[in-house]
Each structure stands twice: as C-alpha cells, then as structure tokens.
C-alpha atoms as a PDB file:
ATOM      1  CA  MET A   1       0.135  14.840  10.896  1.00  0.00           C
ATOM      2  CA  VAL A   2       0.143  12.873   7.510  1.00  0.00           C
ATOM      3  CA  THR A   3      -2.661  12.977   5.189  1.00  0.00           C
ATOM      4  CA  ALA A   4      -3.512  10.910   2.387  1.00  0.00           C
ATOM      5  CA  ALA A   5      -3.354  13.295  -0.203  1.00  0.00           C
ATOM      6  CA  GLU A   6       0.534  14.288   0.784  1.00  0.00           C
ATOM      7  CA  LEU A   7       1.214  10.563   0.588  1.00  0.00           C
ATOM      8  CA  ILE A   8      -0.368  10.523  -2.980  1.00  0.00           C
ATOM      9  CA  GLN A   9       1.715  13.447  -3.964  1.00  0.00           C
ATOM     10  CA  LYS A  10       5.246  11.719  -3.143  1.00  0.00           C
ATOM     11  CA  LYS A  11       7.311   9.393  -4.945  1.00  0.00           C
ATOM     12  CA  GLY A  12       8.756   6.267  -3.284  1.00  0.00           C
ATOM     13  CA  ARG A  13      12.427   6.404  -3.032  1.00  0.00           C
ATOM     14  CA  HIS A  14      14.839   3.614  -1.844  1.00  0.00           C
ATOM     15  CA  THR A  15      15.118   3.960   1.911  1.00  0.00           C
ATOM     16  CA  GLU A  16      16.857   1.968   4.459  1.00  0.00           C
ATOM     17  CA  THR A  17      15.316   3.883   7.444  1.00  0.00           C
ATOM     18  CA  ALA A  18      12.184   2.107   9.068  1.00  0.00           C
ATOM     19  CA  LEU A  19       9.343   4.151  10.753  1.00  0.00           C
ATOM     20  CA  THR A  20       9.188   4.277  14.416  1.00  0.00           C
ATOM     21  CA  GLU A  21       6.163   2.612  15.977  1.00  0.00           C
ATOM     22  CA  ALA A  22       4.879   6.173  16.565  1.00  0.00           C
ATOM     23  CA  GLU A  23       5.150   7.102  13.133  1.00  0.00           C
ATOM     24  CA  ILE A  24       3.728   3.897  11.785  1.00  0.00           C
ATOM     25  CA  ALA A  25       0.564   4.977  13.737  1.00  0.00           C
ATOM     26  CA  GLU A  26       0.420   8.413  12.487  1.00  0.00           C
ATOM     27  CA  HIS A  27       0.874   7.101   8.964  1.00  0.00           C
ATOM     28  CA  LEU A  28      -2.120   4.504   9.754  1.00  0.00           C
ATOM     29  CA  ALA A  29      -4.336   7.287  10.576  1.00  0.00           C
ATOM     30  CA  ALA A  30      -4.001   8.511   7.037  1.00  0.00           C
ATOM     31  CA  VAL A  31      -4.859   5.421   4.887  1.00  0.00           C
ATOM     32  CA  GLU A  32      -8.280   4.283   5.997  1.00  0.00           C
ATOM     33  CA  GLY A  33      -8.778   0.607   6.504  1.00  0.00           C
ATOM     34  CA  TRP A  34      -5.215  -0.460   6.624  1.00  0.00           C
ATOM     35  CA  GLU A  35      -3.593  -2.324   9.515  1.00  0.00           C
ATOM     36  CA  LEU A  36      -0.277  -3.544  10.734  1.00  0.00           C
ATOM     37  CA  LYS A  37      -0.467  -7.417  10.523  1.00  0.00           C
ATOM     38  CA  ASP A  38       2.657  -9.636  10.735  1.00  0.00           C
ATOM     39  CA  GLY A  39       4.747  -6.974  10.083  1.00  0.00           C
ATOM     40  CA  LYS A  40       3.076  -5.597   6.874  1.00  0.00           C
ATOM     41  CA  ILE A  41       0.486  -3.050   6.506  1.00  0.00           C
ATOM     42  CA  VAL A  42      -2.805  -4.715   4.934  1.00  0.00           C
ATOM     43  CA  LYS A  43      -6.272  -4.308   3.497  1.00  0.00           C
ATOM     44  CA  THR A  44      -8.711  -6.063   1.523  1.00  0.00           C
ATOM     45  CA  PHE A  45     -10.492  -4.563  -1.378  1.00  0.00           C
ATOM     46  CA  ASN A  46     -13.936  -6.124  -2.566  1.00  0.00           C
ATOM     47  CA  PHE A  47     -15.050  -6.399  -6.055  1.00  0.00           C
ATOM     48  CA  LYS A  48     -18.248  -7.576  -8.004  1.00  0.00           C
ATOM     49  CA  ASN A  49     -16.311 -10.319  -9.912  1.00  0.00           C
ATOM     50  CA  TYR A  50     -13.116 -11.311 -11.235  1.00  0.00           C
ATOM     51  CA  TYR A  51     -12.862  -8.964 -14.030  1.00  0.00           C
ATOM     52  CA  GLU A  52     -13.220  -5.997 -11.730  1.00  0.00           C
ATOM     53  CA  THR A  53     -10.487  -7.948  -9.506  1.00  0.00           C
ATOM     54  CA  LEU A  54      -8.351  -8.315 -12.361  1.00  0.00           C
ATOM     55  CA  ALA A  55      -8.460  -4.802 -13.589  1.00  0.00           C
ATOM     56  CA  PHE A  56      -7.950  -3.490 -10.043  1.00  0.00           C
ATOM     57  CA  VAL A  57      -4.751  -5.359  -9.913  1.00  0.00           C
ATOM     58  CA  ASN A  58      -3.600  -4.379 -13.105  1.00  0.00           C
ATOM     59  CA  ALA A  59      -3.829  -0.447 -12.472  1.00  0.00           C
ATOM     60  CA  ILE A  60      -1.937  -1.072  -9.145  1.00  0.00           C
ATOM     61  CA  ALA A  61       0.629  -2.785 -11.113  1.00  0.00           C
ATOM     62  CA  TYR A  62       0.633   0.244 -13.717  1.00  0.00           C
ATOM     63  CA  VAL A  63       0.645   3.042 -11.036  1.00  0.00           C
ATOM     64  CA  ILE A  64       3.081   1.082  -8.244  1.00  0.00           C
ATOM     65  CA  HIS A  65       5.738   0.131 -10.550  1.00  0.00           C
ATOM     66  CA  ALA A  66       6.683   3.625 -11.213  1.00  0.00           C
ATOM     67  CA  ASP A  67       7.885   4.049  -7.636  1.00  0.00           C
ATOM     68  CA  ASP A  68       9.255   0.354  -7.656  1.00  0.00           C
ATOM     69  CA  HIS A  69       7.669  -0.593  -4.587  1.00  0.00           C
ATOM     70  CA  HIS A  70       5.674  -3.735  -5.067  1.00  0.00           C
ATOM     71  CA  PRO A  71       2.974  -4.925  -2.775  1.00  0.00           C
ATOM     72  CA  GLU A  72       2.145  -9.015  -2.013  1.00  0.00           C
ATOM     73  CA  LEU A  73      -1.218  -9.725  -3.502  1.00  0.00           C
ATOM     74  CA  ILE A  74      -3.420 -12.090  -2.708  1.00  0.00           C
ATOM     75  CA  ILE A  75      -6.298 -12.390  -5.389  1.00  0.00           C
ATOM     76  CA  THR A  76      -9.330 -14.483  -5.651  1.00  0.00           C
ATOM     77  CA  TYR A  77     -12.426 -13.921  -7.430  1.00  0.00           C
ATOM     78  CA  ASN A  78     -13.731 -10.910  -5.926  1.00  0.00           C
ATOM     79  CA  ARG A  79     -11.231  -9.755  -3.408  1.00  0.00           C
ATOM     80  CA  CYS A  80      -7.764  -8.395  -3.462  1.00  0.00           C
ATOM     81  CA  VAL A  81      -5.403  -8.372  -0.346  1.00  0.00           C
ATOM     82  CA  ALA A  82      -2.696  -5.971  -0.515  1.00  0.00           C
ATOM     83  CA  LYS A  83       0.486  -5.946   1.639  1.00  0.00           C
ATOM     84  CA  PHE A  84       3.169  -4.089   1.861  1.00  0.00           C
ATOM     85  CA  ASP A  85       6.604  -3.876   3.918  1.00  0.00           C
ATOM     86  CA  THR A  86       9.898  -2.720   2.856  1.00  0.00           C
ATOM     87  CA  HIS A  87      12.682  -5.559   2.569  1.00  0.00           C
ATOM     88  CA  SER A  88      15.898  -2.839   2.469  1.00  0.00           C
ATOM     89  CA  VAL A  89      14.973  -1.319   6.258  1.00  0.00           C
ATOM     90  CA  ASN A  90      16.508  -2.431   9.334  1.00  0.00           C
ATOM     91  CA  GLY A  91      19.850  -3.652   7.839  1.00  0.00           C
ATOM     92  CA  GLY A  92      17.874  -5.646   5.305  1.00  0.00           C
ATOM     93  CA  ARG A  93      15.919  -7.348   8.039  1.00  0.00           C
ATOM     94  CA  GLY A  94      12.790  -5.537   6.395  1.00  0.00           C
ATOM     95  CA  GLY A  95      10.132  -3.093   8.711  1.00  0.00           C
ATOM     96  CA  ILE A  96       7.836  -0.598   7.335  1.00  0.00           C
ATOM     97  CA  SER A  97       8.726   2.478   5.872  1.00  0.00           C
ATOM     98  CA  GLU A  98       7.040   5.281   4.438  1.00  0.00           C
ATOM     99  CA  ASN A  99       7.145   4.162   0.961  1.00  0.00           C
ATOM    100  CA  ASP A 100       4.631   1.487   1.946  1.00  0.00           C
ATOM    101  CA  PHE A 101       2.310   4.166   2.992  1.00  0.00           C
ATOM    102  CA  ILE A 102       2.707   6.463  -0.129  1.00  0.00           C
ATOM    103  CA  SER A 103       2.013   3.059  -2.434  1.00  0.00           C
ATOM    104  CA  ALA A 104      -1.421   2.378   0.017  1.00  0.00           C
ATOM    105  CA  ALA A 105      -2.576   6.098  -0.388  1.00  0.00           C
ATOM    106  CA  LYS A 106      -2.054   5.453  -4.084  1.00  0.00           C
ATOM    107  CA  VAL A 107      -3.725   1.841  -4.264  1.00  0.00           C
ATOM    108  CA  ASP A 108      -6.942   3.671  -2.327  1.00  0.00           C
ATOM    109  CA  ALA A 109      -6.811   6.099  -4.799  1.00  0.00           C
ATOM    110  CA  ILE A 110      -7.084   3.521  -7.703  1.00  0.00           C
ATOM    111  CA  TYR A 111      -9.750   1.886  -5.519  1.00  0.00           C
ATOM    112  CA  ARG A 112     -11.829   4.755  -5.317  1.00  0.00           C
ATOM    113  CA  GLN A 113     -11.821   5.706  -9.032  1.00  0.00           C
ATOM    114  CA  ALA A 114     -12.749   2.031  -9.888  1.00  0.00           C
ATOM    115  CA  ALA A 115     -15.745   2.089  -7.531  1.00  0.00           C
ATOM    116  CA  GLN A 116     -17.040   5.377  -9.309  1.00  0.00           C
END
C-alpha cells in the first residue's frame, strides 16, 4: 500500500506509463480528499482570504516546479482547485501517473503547513 509520506519523499520523473484503475484507487487512498474527476485528480483547498490563497499558490509553484509537473489551478478569492494529470502517458493521450500523486501529496503538505 502506498502512503502519502512515501509519495512526498519521491521526485517526479518523466514517464509514459499511466497507472491502472486499481493503482489509481490505491494511490487515491493515500492522498485524503483527492478524487478522480474527468480524467484528473482534483482537490479544493479553502482559505480565509485572497492573500492566503495566493500565498498557497506561490508555495505550490515553488515546490512543484522542482518536479516539473505543474497543476491546473482555478483560483478565486478564498479557494484554489488543483487538478493533476500527465499529458505524456497513454501514447500522448494523457492519463494519471504516479507523478500526479507525488505532486498531490506535496500540495497537501504545503496546505497543512499553511494551516498551522
């Protein structure tokens, strides 16, 4: 079984192999609150105000850029929706890879730290 702690320790890498449905389900169990929606893993993060929302987005940009795996973000006054998928898998048709879950676990860690 995969854990969030294990995912956080990994570094994203180029991959052309998508996870199977069973592997996606196993990985989803490791990252609380993320769900599979329209071919992406998705989670909504809530904040008190726009400043906190943007601080979170900037922290994500800093950490995730190192893994070269960037999310689709929808940013509003007090909310950020993060979506991950991997464009290079499934012969370039896209899908879900372990990189998506590595990034999701790191985003969750940033959010937990921001909430303290």
